[in-house]
PDB file of N, CA and C in Angstrom:
ATOM      1  N   MET A   1     115.955  72.991  90.397  1.00  0.00           N
ATOM      2  CA  MET A   1     115.494  73.975  90.140  1.00  0.00           C
ATOM      3  C   MET A   1     115.582  74.915  89.305  1.00  0.00           C
ATOM      4  N   THR A   2     115.116  75.784  88.668  1.00  0.00           N
ATOM      5  CA  THR A   2     115.150  76.761  87.786  1.00  0.00           C
ATOM      6  C   THR A   2     115.327  78.045  88.770  1.00  0.00           C
ATOM      7  N   GLU A   3     115.894  78.973  88.132  1.00  0.00           N
ATOM      8  CA  GLU A   3     115.133  80.441  88.632  1.00  0.00           C
ATOM      9  C   GLU A   3     114.028  80.027  88.553  1.00  0.00           C
ATOM     10  N   HIS A   4     113.360  80.391  87.443  1.00  0.00           N
ATOM     11  CA  HIS A   4     111.597  80.439  87.340  1.00  0.00           C
ATOM     12  C   HIS A   4     110.954  79.746  88.037  1.00  0.00           C
ATOM     13  N   GLU A   5     111.522  78.563  88.254  1.00  0.00           N
ATOM     14  CA  GLU A   5     110.509  77.852  89.280  1.00  0.00           C
ATOM     15  C   GLU A   5     110.352  78.530  90.381  1.00  0.00           C
ATOM     16  N   SER A   6     111.910  79.046  91.278  1.00  0.00           N
ATOM     17  CA  SER A   6     112.137  79.567  92.397  1.00  0.00           C
ATOM     18  C   SER A   6     111.249  80.259  92.345  1.00  0.00           C
ATOM     19  N   THR A   7     110.580  81.440  91.529  1.00  0.00           N
ATOM     20  CA  THR A   7     109.911  82.833  91.687  1.00  0.00           C
ATOM     21  C   THR A   7     108.382  81.989  91.681  1.00  0.00           C
ATOM     22  N   ILE A   8     108.445  81.074  90.912  1.00  0.00           N
ATOM     23  CA  ILE A   8     106.706  80.522  91.015  1.00  0.00           C
ATOM     24  C   ILE A   8     106.509  80.035  92.320  1.00  0.00           C
ATOM     25  N   THR A   9     107.338  79.294  93.129  1.00  0.00           N
ATOM     26  CA  THR A   9     107.026  78.873  94.715  1.00  0.00           C
ATOM     27  C   THR A   9     107.205  79.236  95.875  1.00  0.00           C
ATOM     28  N   ASP A  10     107.530  80.890  94.803  1.00  0.00           N
ATOM     29  CA  ASP A  10     108.443  81.718  96.419  1.00  0.00           C
ATOM     30  C   ASP A  10     107.099  82.167  97.181  1.00  0.00           C
ATOM     31  N   GLY A  11     105.932  82.825  96.218  1.00  0.00           N
ATOM     32  CA  GLY A  11     104.337  83.609  96.739  1.00  0.00           C
ATOM     33  C   GLY A  11     104.709  84.635  96.803  1.00  0.00           C
ATOM     34  N   GLY A  12     105.265  84.760  96.363  1.00  0.00           N
ATOM     35  CA  GLY A  12     105.467  87.119  96.695  1.00  0.00           C
ATOM     36  C   GLY A  12     104.935  87.537  95.604  1.00  0.00           C
ATOM     37  N   LEU A  13     104.630  88.594  94.557  1.00  0.00           N
ATOM     38  CA  LEU A  13     104.070  89.571  93.750  1.00  0.00           C
ATOM     39  C   LEU A  13     103.989  88.756  92.241  1.00  0.00           C
ATOM     40  N   GLY A  14     105.466  88.368  92.015  1.00  0.00           N
ATOM     41  CA  GLY A  14     105.574  87.994  91.024  1.00  0.00           C
ATOM     42  C   GLY A  14     106.435  88.804  89.740  1.00  0.00           C
ATOM     43  N   PRO A  15     106.356  88.306  88.711  1.00  0.00           N
ATOM     44  CA  PRO A  15     107.502  89.696  87.567  1.00  0.00           C
ATOM     45  C   PRO A  15     106.268  90.281  87.394  1.00  0.00           C
ATOM     46  N   MET A  16     106.491  91.804  87.520  1.00  0.00           N
ATOM     47  CA  MET A  16     105.825  92.904  86.549  1.00  0.00           C
ATOM     48  C   MET A  16     106.439  93.220  84.968  1.00  0.00           C
ATOM     49  N   GLU A  17     106.003  91.791  84.799  1.00  0.00           N
ATOM     50  CA  GLU A  17     105.949  92.356  83.382  1.00  0.00           C
ATOM     51  C   GLU A  17     104.738  92.830  82.230  1.00  0.00           C
ATOM     52  N   ARG A  18     105.173  92.961  81.285  1.00  0.00           N
ATOM     53  CA  ARG A  18     104.211  93.563  80.261  1.00  0.00           C
ATOM     54  C   ARG A  18     103.655  92.356  80.049  1.00  0.00           C
ATOM     55  N   GLY A  19     101.948  92.254  80.252  1.00  0.00           N
ATOM     56  CA  GLY A  19     100.683  91.873  80.410  1.00  0.00           C
ATOM     57  C   GLY A  19     100.741  90.770  81.721  1.00  0.00           C
ATOM     58  N   THR A  20     101.073  90.517  82.579  1.00  0.00           N
ATOM     59  CA  THR A  20     100.868  89.921  84.075  1.00  0.00           C
ATOM     60  C   THR A  20      99.682  90.463  84.590  1.00  0.00           C
ATOM     61  N   THR A  21      99.252  90.054  85.552  1.00  0.00           N
ATOM     62  CA  THR A  21      98.180  90.232  86.060  1.00  0.00           C
ATOM     63  C   THR A  21      98.767  90.779  87.041  1.00  0.00           C
ATOM     64  N   GLN A  22      99.320  91.176  87.949  1.00  0.00           N
ATOM     65  CA  GLN A  22     100.161  91.872  88.721  1.00  0.00           C
ATOM     66  C   GLN A  22     100.567  93.443  88.351  1.00  0.00           C
ATOM     67  N   ARG A  23     100.342  93.955  87.336  1.00  0.00           N
ATOM     68  CA  ARG A  23     101.039  94.936  86.273  1.00  0.00           C
ATOM     69  C   ARG A  23      99.601  95.687  86.052  1.00  0.00           C
ATOM     70  N   LEU A  24      98.800  94.809  85.425  1.00  0.00           N
ATOM     71  CA  LEU A  24      97.322  95.300  85.328  1.00  0.00           C
ATOM     72  C   LEU A  24      96.769  96.416  86.633  1.00  0.00           C
ATOM     73  N   ALA A  25      97.351  95.161  87.631  1.00  0.00           N
ATOM     74  CA  ALA A  25      96.200  95.674  88.924  1.00  0.00           C
ATOM     75  C   ALA A  25      97.182  96.879  89.212  1.00  0.00           C
ATOM     76  N   ALA A  26      98.363  96.713  88.967  1.00  0.00           N
ATOM     77  CA  ALA A  26      98.655  98.412  90.038  1.00  0.00           C
ATOM     78  C   ALA A  26      98.536  99.400  89.329  1.00  0.00           C
ATOM     79  N   ARG A  27      98.345  98.896  87.177  1.00  0.00           N
ATOM     80  CA  ARG A  27      98.156 100.609  87.288  1.00  0.00           C
ATOM     81  C   ARG A  27      96.676 100.765  86.977  1.00  0.00           C
ATOM     82  N   GLN A  28      96.029  99.399  87.735  1.00  0.00           N
ATOM     83  CA  GLN A  28      94.281  99.958  87.647  1.00  0.00           C
ATOM     84  C   GLN A  28      93.985 100.945  88.882  1.00  0.00           C
ATOM     85  N   ARG A  29      94.913 100.633  90.105  1.00  0.00           N
ATOM     86  CA  ARG A  29      95.014 101.437  91.294  1.00  0.00           C
ATOM     87  C   ARG A  29      96.108 102.218  91.413  1.00  0.00           C
ATOM     88  N   MET A  30      96.631 102.206  90.221  1.00  0.00           N
ATOM     89  CA  MET A  30      97.444 103.987  90.815  1.00  0.00           C
ATOM     90  C   MET A  30      96.190 104.887  89.336  1.00  0.00           C
ATOM     91  N   TRP A  31      95.870 104.371  88.398  1.00  0.00           N
ATOM     92  CA  TRP A  31      94.620 105.026  88.269  1.00  0.00           C
ATOM     93  C   TRP A  31      93.138 105.720  88.950  1.00  0.00           C
ATOM     94  N   VAL A  32      93.055 104.089  90.272  1.00  0.00           N
ATOM     95  CA  VAL A  32      91.565 105.068  90.683  1.00  0.00           C
ATOM     96  C   VAL A  32      92.380 106.159  91.918  1.00  0.00           C
ATOM     97  N   GLN A  33      93.349 105.361  92.342  1.00  0.00           N
ATOM     98  CA  GLN A  33      94.651 106.709  93.653  1.00  0.00           C
ATOM     99  C   GLN A  33      94.006 107.935  92.991  1.00  0.00           C
ATOM    100  N   SER A  34      95.224 108.244  91.528  1.00  0.00           N
ATOM    101  CA  SER A  34      95.457 109.544  90.842  1.00  0.00           C
ATOM    102  C   SER A  34      93.589 110.274  90.463  1.00  0.00           C
ATOM    103  N   TRP A  35      91.981 109.216  90.076  1.00  0.00           N
ATOM    104  CA  TRP A  35      91.399 110.352  90.277  1.00  0.00           C
ATOM    105  C   TRP A  35      90.532 110.557  91.859  1.00  0.00           C
ATOM    106  N   THR A  36      91.223 110.329  92.739  1.00  0.00           N
ATOM    107  CA  THR A  36      90.953 109.951  94.077  1.00  0.00           C
ATOM    108  C   THR A  36      91.453 111.290  94.292  1.00  0.00           C
ATOM    109  N   VAL A  37      92.848 111.843  94.207  1.00  0.00           N
ATOM    110  CA  VAL A  37      93.277 113.071  94.211  1.00  0.00           C
ATOM    111  C   VAL A  37      92.648 113.793  93.792  1.00  0.00           C
ATOM    112  N   LEU A  38      92.608 113.764  92.591  1.00  0.00           N
ATOM    113  CA  LEU A  38      91.624 115.217  91.442  1.00  0.00           C
ATOM    114  C   LEU A  38      90.751 115.062  92.036  1.00  0.00           C
ATOM    115  N   CYS A  39      89.723 114.440  92.556  1.00  0.00           N
ATOM    116  CA  CYS A  39      88.638 114.289  92.912  1.00  0.00           C
ATOM    117  C   CYS A  39      88.046 115.287  94.518  1.00  0.00           C
ATOM    118  N   VAL A  40      89.771 115.093  95.425  1.00  0.00           N
ATOM    119  CA  VAL A  40      90.129 115.508  96.863  1.00  0.00           C
ATOM    120  C   VAL A  40      90.076 117.077  96.420  1.00  0.00           C
ATOM    121  N   LEU A  41      91.090 117.448  95.738  1.00  0.00           N
ATOM    122  CA  LEU A  41      91.324 118.551  94.984  1.00  0.00           C
ATOM    123  C   LEU A  41      90.273 119.374  94.817  1.00  0.00           C
ATOM    124  N   ALA A  42      89.919 119.184  93.893  1.00  0.00           N
ATOM    125  CA  ALA A  42      88.252 119.739  93.237  1.00  0.00           C
ATOM    126  C   ALA A  42      87.424 120.425  94.543  1.00  0.00           C
ATOM    127  N   ALA A  43      87.270 119.311  95.153  1.00  0.00           N
ATOM    128  CA  ALA A  43      86.543 119.487  96.468  1.00  0.00           C
ATOM    129  C   ALA A  43      86.603 120.824  97.007  1.00  0.00           C
ATOM    130  N   LEU A  44      88.022 120.339  97.415  1.00  0.00           N
ATOM    131  CA  LEU A  44      88.349 122.074  98.235  1.00  0.00           C
ATOM    132  C   LEU A  44      88.586 122.540  97.844  1.00  0.00           C
ATOM    133  N   TRP A  45      88.615 122.773  96.664  1.00  0.00           N
ATOM    134  CA  TRP A  45      88.479 124.179  95.552  1.00  0.00           C
ATOM    135  C   TRP A  45      87.155 124.785  95.498  1.00  0.00           C
ATOM    136  N   ALA A  46      86.011 123.736  95.035  1.00  0.00           N
ATOM    137  CA  ALA A  46      84.651 123.942  95.187  1.00  0.00           C
ATOM    138  C   ALA A  46      84.588 124.510  96.636  1.00  0.00           C
ATOM    139  N   LEU A  47      85.119 124.665  97.590  1.00  0.00           N
ATOM    140  CA  LEU A  47      84.851 124.970  98.880  1.00  0.00           C
ATOM    141  C   LEU A  47      84.668 126.028  99.328  1.00  0.00           C
ATOM    142  N   ALA A  48      86.359 126.037  98.655  1.00  0.00           N
ATOM    143  CA  ALA A  48      87.056 127.377  98.826  1.00  0.00           C
ATOM    144  C   ALA A  48      86.223 128.653  98.031  1.00  0.00           C
ATOM    145  N   GLY A  49      85.357 128.236  96.889  1.00  0.00           N
ATOM    146  CA  GLY A  49      85.082 129.221  96.001  1.00  0.00           C
ATOM    147  C   GLY A  49      83.856 129.528  96.615  1.00  0.00           C
ATOM    148  N   ILE A  50      82.947 128.226  97.536  1.00  0.00           N
ATOM    149  CA  ILE A  50      81.735 128.636  98.287  1.00  0.00           C
ATOM    150  C   ILE A  50      82.329 129.587  99.171  1.00  0.00           C
ATOM    151  N   ALA A  51      83.300 129.074  99.733  1.00  0.00           N
ATOM    152  CA  ALA A  51      83.138 129.859 101.333  1.00  0.00           C
ATOM    153  C   ALA A  51      84.190 132.005 101.335  1.00  0.00           C
ATOM    154  N   GLY A  52      84.127 132.029  99.781  1.00  0.00           N
ATOM    155  CA  GLY A  52      84.716 132.678  98.950  1.00  0.00           C
ATOM    156  C   GLY A  52      83.342 133.300  98.792  1.00  0.00           C
ATOM    157  N   TRP A  53      82.407 133.007  98.304  1.00  0.00           N
ATOM    158  CA  TRP A  53      80.879 133.174  98.022  1.00  0.00           C
ATOM    159  C   TRP A  53      80.418 133.874  99.399  1.00  0.00           C
ATOM    160  N   ILE A  54      80.214 133.343  99.975  1.00  0.00           N
ATOM    161  CA  ILE A  54      79.292 133.195 101.807  1.00  0.00           C
ATOM    162  C   ILE A  54      80.025 134.731 102.093  1.00  0.00           C
ATOM    163  N   GLY A  55      81.523 134.408 101.927  1.00  0.00           N
ATOM    164  CA  GLY A  55      82.462 135.693 102.347  1.00  0.00           C
ATOM    165  C   GLY A  55      82.111 137.126 101.981  1.00  0.00           C
ATOM    166  N   GLY A  56      81.366 137.263 100.669  1.00  0.00           N
ATOM    167  CA  GLY A  56      81.633 137.978 100.158  1.00  0.00           C
ATOM    168  C   GLY A  56      82.812 138.640  98.475  1.00  0.00           C
ATOM    169  N   VAL A  57      83.520 137.734  98.823  1.00  0.00           N
ATOM    170  CA  VAL A  57      84.579 138.029  97.256  1.00  0.00           C
ATOM    171  C   VAL A  57      83.896 138.157  95.674  1.00  0.00           C
ATOM    172  N   GLU A  58      84.653 139.132  95.239  1.00  0.00           N
ATOM    173  CA  GLU A  58      84.025 139.550  94.065  1.00  0.00           C
ATOM    174  C   GLU A  58      84.134 138.017  93.077  1.00  0.00           C
ATOM    175  N   ASP A  59      83.133 137.864  92.318  1.00  0.00           N
ATOM    176  CA  ASP A  59      83.168 137.244  91.123  1.00  0.00           C
ATOM    177  C   ASP A  59      83.948 135.453  91.707  1.00  0.00           C
ATOM    178  N   SER A  60      84.098 134.856  92.938  1.00  0.00           N
ATOM    179  CA  SER A  60      84.186 133.616  93.815  1.00  0.00           C
ATOM    180  C   SER A  60      83.265 133.015  93.093  1.00  0.00           C
ATOM    181  N   TRP A  61      81.733 132.704  93.195  1.00  0.00           N
ATOM    182  CA  TRP A  61      80.605 132.422  92.019  1.00  0.00           C
ATOM    183  C   TRP A  61      81.316 131.549  90.884  1.00  0.00           C
ATOM    184  N   ALA A  62      82.210 132.356  90.147  1.00  0.00           N
ATOM    185  CA  ALA A  62      83.120 131.493  88.919  1.00  0.00           C
ATOM    186  C   ALA A  62      83.540 130.361  89.087  1.00  0.00           C
ATOM    187  N   PHE A  63      84.232 130.808  90.496  1.00  0.00           N
ATOM    188  CA  PHE A  63      85.233 129.671  90.859  1.00  0.00           C
ATOM    189  C   PHE A  63      85.003 128.309  91.659  1.00  0.00           C
ATOM    190  N   ALA A  64      83.710 128.916  92.084  1.00  0.00           N
ATOM    191  CA  ALA A  64      82.705 128.005  92.900  1.00  0.00           C
ATOM    192  C   ALA A  64      82.108 126.887  92.190  1.00  0.00           C
ATOM    193  N   SER A  65      81.024 127.761  91.169  1.00  0.00           N
ATOM    194  CA  SER A  65      81.177 126.741  89.304  1.00  0.00           C
ATOM    195  C   SER A  65      82.034 126.104  88.635  1.00  0.00           C
ATOM    196  N   ALA A  66      83.144 126.519  88.582  1.00  0.00           N
ATOM    197  CA  ALA A  66      84.368 125.589  88.168  1.00  0.00           C
ATOM    198  C   ALA A  66      84.356 124.578  89.038  1.00  0.00           C
ATOM    199  N   GLY A  67      84.476 124.833  89.898  1.00  0.00           N
ATOM    200  CA  GLY A  67      85.085 123.550  91.052  1.00  0.00           C
ATOM    201  C   GLY A  67      84.350 122.727  91.304  1.00  0.00           C
ATOM    202  N   VAL A  68      83.038 123.041  91.092  1.00  0.00           N
ATOM    203  CA  VAL A  68      81.644 121.909  91.138  1.00  0.00           C
ATOM    204  C   VAL A  68      81.702 121.184  90.275  1.00  0.00           C
ATOM    205  N   VAL A  69      82.075 121.663  88.765  1.00  0.00           N
ATOM    206  CA  VAL A  69      82.217 121.159  87.024  1.00  0.00           C
ATOM    207  C   VAL A  69      82.958 120.031  87.841  1.00  0.00           C
ATOM    208  N   VAL A  70      84.295 120.348  87.647  1.00  0.00           N
ATOM    209  CA  VAL A  70      85.583 119.590  87.709  1.00  0.00           C
ATOM    210  C   VAL A  70      85.486 118.762  88.622  1.00  0.00           C
ATOM    211  N   LEU A  71      85.114 119.053  90.245  1.00  0.00           N
ATOM    212  CA  LEU A  71      85.032 117.468  91.039  1.00  0.00           C
ATOM    213  C   LEU A  71      83.580 116.577  90.401  1.00  0.00           C
ATOM    214  N   ALA A  72      82.183 116.979  89.608  1.00  0.00           N
ATOM    215  CA  ALA A  72      81.299 116.408  88.751  1.00  0.00           C
ATOM    216  C   ALA A  72      82.332 115.084  88.069  1.00  0.00           C
ATOM    217  N   CYS A  73      83.057 115.855  87.183  1.00  0.00           N
ATOM    218  CA  CYS A  73      83.558 114.959  85.679  1.00  0.00           C
ATOM    219  C   CYS A  73      85.210 114.376  86.799  1.00  0.00           C
ATOM    220  N   ALA A  74      85.443 114.666  87.422  1.00  0.00           N
ATOM    221  CA  ALA A  74      86.401 113.528  88.303  1.00  0.00           C
ATOM    222  C   ALA A  74      85.626 112.771  89.224  1.00  0.00           C
ATOM    223  N   ALA A  75      85.102 112.700  89.347  1.00  0.00           N
ATOM    224  CA  ALA A  75      84.216 112.212  90.425  1.00  0.00           C
ATOM    225  C   ALA A  75      83.412 110.775  88.888  1.00  0.00           C
ATOM    226  N   TRP A  76      83.320 110.907  88.225  1.00  0.00           N
ATOM    227  CA  TRP A  76      82.848 110.319  87.116  1.00  0.00           C
ATOM    228  C   TRP A  76      83.697 109.047  86.807  1.00  0.00           C
ATOM    229  N   ALA A  77      84.944 110.242  86.254  1.00  0.00           N
ATOM    230  CA  ALA A  77      85.889 108.860  86.052  1.00  0.00           C
ATOM    231  C   ALA A  77      86.166 108.432  87.108  1.00  0.00           C
ATOM    232  N   ARG A  78      86.749 108.768  88.141  1.00  0.00           N
ATOM    233  CA  ARG A  78      87.043 107.629  89.150  1.00  0.00           C
ATOM    234  C   ARG A  78      85.967 106.302  89.263  1.00  0.00           C
ATOM    235  N   ARG A  79      84.476 107.099  89.380  1.00  0.00           N
ATOM    236  CA  ARG A  79      83.550 105.931  89.197  1.00  0.00           C
ATOM    237  C   ARG A  79      83.834 104.464  88.254  1.00  0.00           C
ATOM    238  N   SER A  80      84.193 104.919  87.300  1.00  0.00           N
ATOM    239  CA  SER A  80      84.339 104.375  85.424  1.00  0.00           C
ATOM    240  C   SER A  80      85.626 103.946  86.025  1.00  0.00           C
ATOM    241  N   ALA A  81      86.634 104.567  86.352  1.00  0.00           N
ATOM    242  CA  ALA A  81      87.981 103.907  86.737  1.00  0.00           C
ATOM    243  C   ALA A  81      87.667 102.200  87.683  1.00  0.00           C
ATOM    244  N   ILE A  82      86.659 102.455  88.667  1.00  0.00           N
ATOM    245  CA  ILE A  82      86.073 101.289  89.812  1.00  0.00           C
ATOM    246  C   ILE A  82      85.521 100.205  89.368  1.00  0.00           C
ATOM    247  N   ARG A  83      84.583 100.861  88.772  1.00  0.00           N
ATOM    248  CA  ARG A  83      84.336 100.057  87.799  1.00  0.00           C
ATOM    249  C   ARG A  83      84.962  99.086  86.623  1.00  0.00           C
ATOM    250  N   ASN A  84      85.477  99.881  85.766  1.00  0.00           N
ATOM    251  CA  ASN A  84      86.517  98.844  84.979  1.00  0.00           C
ATOM    252  C   ASN A  84      87.211  98.252  85.665  1.00  0.00           C
ATOM    253  N   ALA A  85      87.416  98.369  86.635  1.00  0.00           N
ATOM    254  CA  ALA A  85      88.977  97.569  87.348  1.00  0.00           C
ATOM    255  C   ALA A  85      89.011  96.231  86.794  1.00  0.00           C
ATOM    256  N   PRO A  86      89.791  95.331  87.241  1.00  0.00           N
ATOM    257  CA  PRO A  86      89.439  93.938  86.908  1.00  0.00           C
ATOM    258  C   PRO A  86      88.955  93.144  87.806  1.00  0.00           C
ATOM    259  N   PRO A  87      88.974  91.965  87.975  1.00  0.00           N
ATOM    260  CA  PRO A  87      88.329  91.603  89.300  1.00  0.00           C
ATOM    261  C   PRO A  87      88.941  91.478  90.131  1.00  0.00           C
ATOM    262  N   ARG A  88      88.857  91.418  91.834  1.00  0.00           N
ATOM    263  CA  ARG A  88      89.942  91.113  92.847  1.00  0.00           C
ATOM    264  C   ARG A  88      90.364  90.477  93.027  1.00  0.00           C
ATOM    265  N   HIS A  89      89.703  88.926  92.896  1.00  0.00           N
ATOM    266  CA  HIS A  89      90.113  87.273  93.013  1.00  0.00           C
ATOM    267  C   HIS A  89      90.702  86.769  91.802  1.00  0.00           C
ATOM    268  N   LEU A  90      92.052  86.918  91.779  1.00  0.00           N
ATOM    269  CA  LEU A  90      92.716  86.652  91.074  1.00  0.00           C
ATOM    270  C   LEU A  90      93.284  85.747  91.201  1.00  0.00           C
TER     271      LEU A  90
END
Protein backbone atom coordinates (compact mmCIF):
# COMPACT_ATOMS: atom_id res chain seq x y z
CA MET A 1 0.00 0.00 0.00
CA THR A 2 1.44 3.37 -0.97
CA GLU A 3 1.25 6.52 1.08
CA HIS A 4 -1.37 7.98 -1.25
CA GLU A 5 -3.64 4.95 -0.88
CA SER A 6 -3.34 5.02 2.90
CA THR A 7 -4.51 8.65 3.03
CA ILE A 8 -7.49 7.82 0.84
CA THR A 9 -8.65 4.98 3.08
CA ASP A 10 -7.89 6.95 6.24
CA GLY A 11 -11.30 8.68 6.16
CA GLY A 12 -9.91 12.04 7.38
CA LEU A 13 -10.32 15.38 5.73
CA GLY A 14 -7.84 14.57 3.01
CA PRO A 15 -5.22 16.85 1.54
CA MET A 16 -5.75 20.58 1.69
CA GLU A 17 -4.12 21.17 -1.69
CA ARG A 18 -5.23 23.69 -4.26
CA GLY A 19 -8.42 22.78 -6.04
CA THR A 20 -9.60 20.16 -3.56
CA THR A 21 -13.14 20.26 -2.30
CA GLN A 22 -11.95 20.47 1.32
CA ARG A 23 -9.96 23.61 0.61
CA LEU A 24 -12.84 25.22 -1.26
CA ALA A 25 -15.25 24.38 1.55
CA ALA A 26 -12.84 25.77 4.15
CA ARG A 27 -12.48 28.99 2.18
CA GLN A 28 -16.27 29.32 1.90
CA ARG A 29 -16.72 28.75 5.65
CA MET A 30 -14.11 31.44 6.32
CA TRP A 31 -16.00 33.94 4.15
CA VAL A 32 -19.33 33.20 5.84
CA GLN A 33 -17.79 33.52 9.31
CA SER A 34 -16.07 36.81 8.49
CA TRP A 35 -19.27 38.32 7.07
CA THR A 36 -21.16 37.12 10.15
CA VAL A 37 -18.66 38.86 12.43
CA LEU A 38 -18.98 42.04 10.39
CA CYS A 39 -22.78 41.85 10.69
CA VAL A 40 -22.54 41.51 14.47
CA LEU A 41 -20.14 44.45 14.76
CA ALA A 42 -22.29 46.63 12.51
CA ALA A 43 -25.38 45.75 14.54
CA LEU A 44 -23.59 46.73 17.75
CA TRP A 45 -22.44 49.96 16.11
CA ALA A 46 -26.00 50.78 15.03
CA LEU A 47 -27.41 49.93 18.46
CA ALA A 48 -24.82 52.14 20.17
CA GLY A 49 -25.75 55.00 17.84
CA ILE A 50 -29.44 54.50 18.47
CA ALA A 51 -28.86 54.38 22.24
CA GLY A 52 -26.91 57.63 22.00
CA TRP A 53 -29.65 59.17 19.90
CA ILE A 54 -32.25 58.21 22.51
CA GLY A 55 -29.96 59.51 25.26
CA GLY A 56 -29.66 62.86 23.51
CA VAL A 57 -26.01 62.70 22.44
CA GLU A 58 -25.28 65.24 19.74
CA ASP A 59 -24.87 63.89 16.15
CA SER A 60 -25.45 60.29 17.22
CA TRP A 61 -28.08 59.93 14.49
CA ALA A 62 -25.26 60.07 11.95
CA PHE A 63 -23.47 57.15 13.63
CA ALA A 64 -26.73 55.21 13.87
CA SER A 65 -27.58 55.71 10.21
CA ALA A 66 -24.04 54.79 9.11
CA GLY A 67 -24.23 51.64 11.24
CA VAL A 68 -27.53 50.66 9.67
CA VAL A 69 -26.10 51.14 6.16
CA VAL A 70 -23.01 49.05 6.97
CA LEU A 71 -25.23 46.40 8.57
CA ALA A 72 -27.40 46.19 5.45
CA CYS A 73 -24.35 45.83 3.19
CA ALA A 74 -22.77 43.18 5.42
CA ALA A 75 -26.04 41.24 5.66
CA TRP A 76 -26.37 41.28 1.86
CA ALA A 77 -22.78 40.07 1.44
CA ARG A 78 -23.30 37.32 4.04
CA ARG A 79 -26.45 36.16 2.30
CA SER A 80 -24.60 36.09 -1.02
CA ALA A 81 -21.73 34.11 0.51
CA ILE A 82 -24.15 31.51 1.88
CA ARG A 83 -26.15 31.34 -1.35
CA ASN A 84 -23.02 30.92 -3.50
CA ALA A 85 -21.62 28.18 -1.26
CA PRO A 86 -21.00 24.82 -2.87
CA PRO A 87 -23.42 22.02 -2.00
CA ARG A 88 -22.82 20.47 1.41
CA HIS A 89 -23.38 16.90 0.24
CA LEU A 90 -19.93 16.26 -1.15
